Amino acid sequence: MANLDFEPIITALTGAVTPTQIIGLVASIVAFGIPFVFMWFGMRKVIKIFRSAVMGGHITV
């Protein structure tokens, strides 16, 4: 195990992946995740409204 040389693999990876591609990947992940975050907070709000309507007997927004 100690004699393994990872230098060719590291060189190939650093030559194949550019910082621009990494930034593009992170940007696309963030852009894809933002609607899910808003959906999460929206669902929490809807559940809170529903629970308060059931427990309290009236709907407030």
C-alpha atoms as a PDB file:
ATOM      1  CA  MET A   1       0.000   0.000   0.000  1.00  0.00           C
ATOM      2  CA  ALA A   2       2.840   2.404   0.744  1.00  0.00           C
ATOM      3  CA  ASN A   3       4.271   2.009  -2.772  1.00  0.00           C
ATOM      4  CA  LEU A   4       1.162   3.272  -4.556  1.00  0.00           C
ATOM      5  CA  ASP A   5       1.808   6.358  -6.678  1.00  0.00           C
ATOM      6  CA  PHE A   6      -1.205   8.639  -7.025  1.00  0.00           C
ATOM      7  CA  GLU A   7       0.693  11.377  -8.858  1.00  0.00           C
ATOM      8  CA  PRO A   8      -0.554  10.420 -12.377  1.00  0.00           C
ATOM      9  CA  ILE A   9      -4.150  10.349 -11.154  1.00  0.00           C
ATOM     10  CA  ILE A  10      -3.834  13.733  -9.446  1.00  0.00           C
ATOM     11  CA  THR A  11      -2.189  15.215 -12.523  1.00  0.00           C
ATOM     12  CA  ALA A  12      -4.947  13.871 -14.776  1.00  0.00           C
ATOM     13  CA  LEU A  13      -7.683  15.221 -12.518  1.00  0.00           C
ATOM     14  CA  THR A  14      -6.152  18.667 -12.146  1.00  0.00           C
ATOM     15  CA  GLY A  15      -5.676  18.826 -15.900  1.00  0.00           C
ATOM     16  CA  ALA A  16      -9.243  17.727 -16.660  1.00  0.00           C
ATOM     17  CA  VAL A  17     -11.134  19.880 -14.146  1.00  0.00           C
ATOM     18  CA  THR A  18     -10.777  23.653 -14.274  1.00  0.00           C
ATOM     19  CA  PRO A  19     -11.753  26.156 -11.582  1.00  0.00           C
ATOM     20  CA  THR A  20     -14.339  27.571 -13.984  1.00  0.00           C
ATOM     21  CA  GLN A  21     -16.044  24.196 -14.178  1.00  0.00           C
ATOM     22  CA  ILE A  22     -16.044  23.856 -10.397  1.00  0.00           C
ATOM     23  CA  ILE A  23     -17.575  27.321  -9.982  1.00  0.00           C
ATOM     24  CA  GLY A  24     -20.182  26.476 -12.625  1.00  0.00           C
ATOM     25  CA  LEU A  25     -21.048  23.252 -10.839  1.00  0.00           C
ATOM     26  CA  VAL A  26     -21.421  24.979  -7.468  1.00  0.00           C
ATOM     27  CA  ALA A  27     -23.538  27.735  -9.052  1.00  0.00           C
ATOM     28  CA  SER A  28     -25.856  25.205 -10.690  1.00  0.00           C
ATOM     29  CA  ILE A  29     -26.233  23.273  -7.423  1.00  0.00           C
ATOM     30  CA  VAL A  30     -27.132  26.485  -5.582  1.00  0.00           C
ATOM     31  CA  ALA A  31     -29.565  27.530  -8.328  1.00  0.00           C
ATOM     32  CA  PHE A  32     -31.177  24.095  -8.212  1.00  0.00           C
ATOM     33  CA  GLY A  33     -31.403  24.121  -4.402  1.00  0.00           C
ATOM     34  CA  ILE A  34     -32.937  27.570  -3.876  1.00  0.00           C
ATOM     35  CA  PRO A  35     -36.476  26.559  -4.977  1.00  0.00           C
ATOM     36  CA  PHE A  36     -36.326  23.580  -2.627  1.00  0.00           C
ATOM     37  CA  VAL A  37     -35.391  25.839   0.300  1.00  0.00           C
ATOM     38  CA  PHE A  38     -38.311  28.156  -0.454  1.00  0.00           C
ATOM     39  CA  MET A  39     -40.592  25.150  -0.835  1.00  0.00           C
ATOM     40  CA  TRP A  40     -39.403  23.853   2.556  1.00  0.00           C
ATOM     41  CA  PHE A  41     -40.188  27.146   4.304  1.00  0.00           C
ATOM     42  CA  GLY A  42     -43.509  27.401   2.467  1.00  0.00           C
ATOM     43  CA  MET A  43     -44.563  23.922   3.551  1.00  0.00           C
ATOM     44  CA  ARG A  44     -43.602  24.714   7.148  1.00  0.00           C
ATOM     45  CA  LYS A  45     -45.796  27.842   6.969  1.00  0.00           C
ATOM     46  CA  VAL A  46     -48.732  25.894   5.529  1.00  0.00           C
ATOM     47  CA  ILE A  47     -48.414  23.207   8.210  1.00  0.00           C
ATOM     48  CA  LYS A  48     -48.275  25.871  10.935  1.00  0.00           C
ATOM     49  CA  ILE A  49     -51.401  27.566   9.539  1.00  0.00           C
ATOM     50  CA  PHE A  50     -53.205  24.221   9.360  1.00  0.00           C
ATOM     51  CA  ARG A  51     -52.234  23.248  12.907  1.00  0.00           C
ATOM     52  CA  SER A  52     -53.300  26.582  14.342  1.00  0.00           C
ATOM     53  CA  ALA A  53     -56.591  26.349  12.449  1.00  0.00           C
ATOM     54  CA  VAL A  54     -57.283  22.895  13.833  1.00  0.00           C
ATOM     55  CA  MET A  55     -56.227  23.715  17.394  1.00  0.00           C
ATOM     56  CA  GLY A  56     -57.534  27.275  17.598  1.00  0.00           C
ATOM     57  CA  GLY A  57     -60.572  27.073  15.376  1.00  0.00           C
ATOM     58  CA  HIS A  58     -59.672  29.936  13.050  1.00  0.00           C
ATOM     59  CA  ILE A  59     -57.268  30.586  10.172  1.00  0.00           C
ATOM     60  CA  THR A  60     -54.626  33.322  10.377  1.00  0.00           C
ATOM     61  CA  VAL A  61     -51.983  34.097   7.799  1.00  0.00           C
END
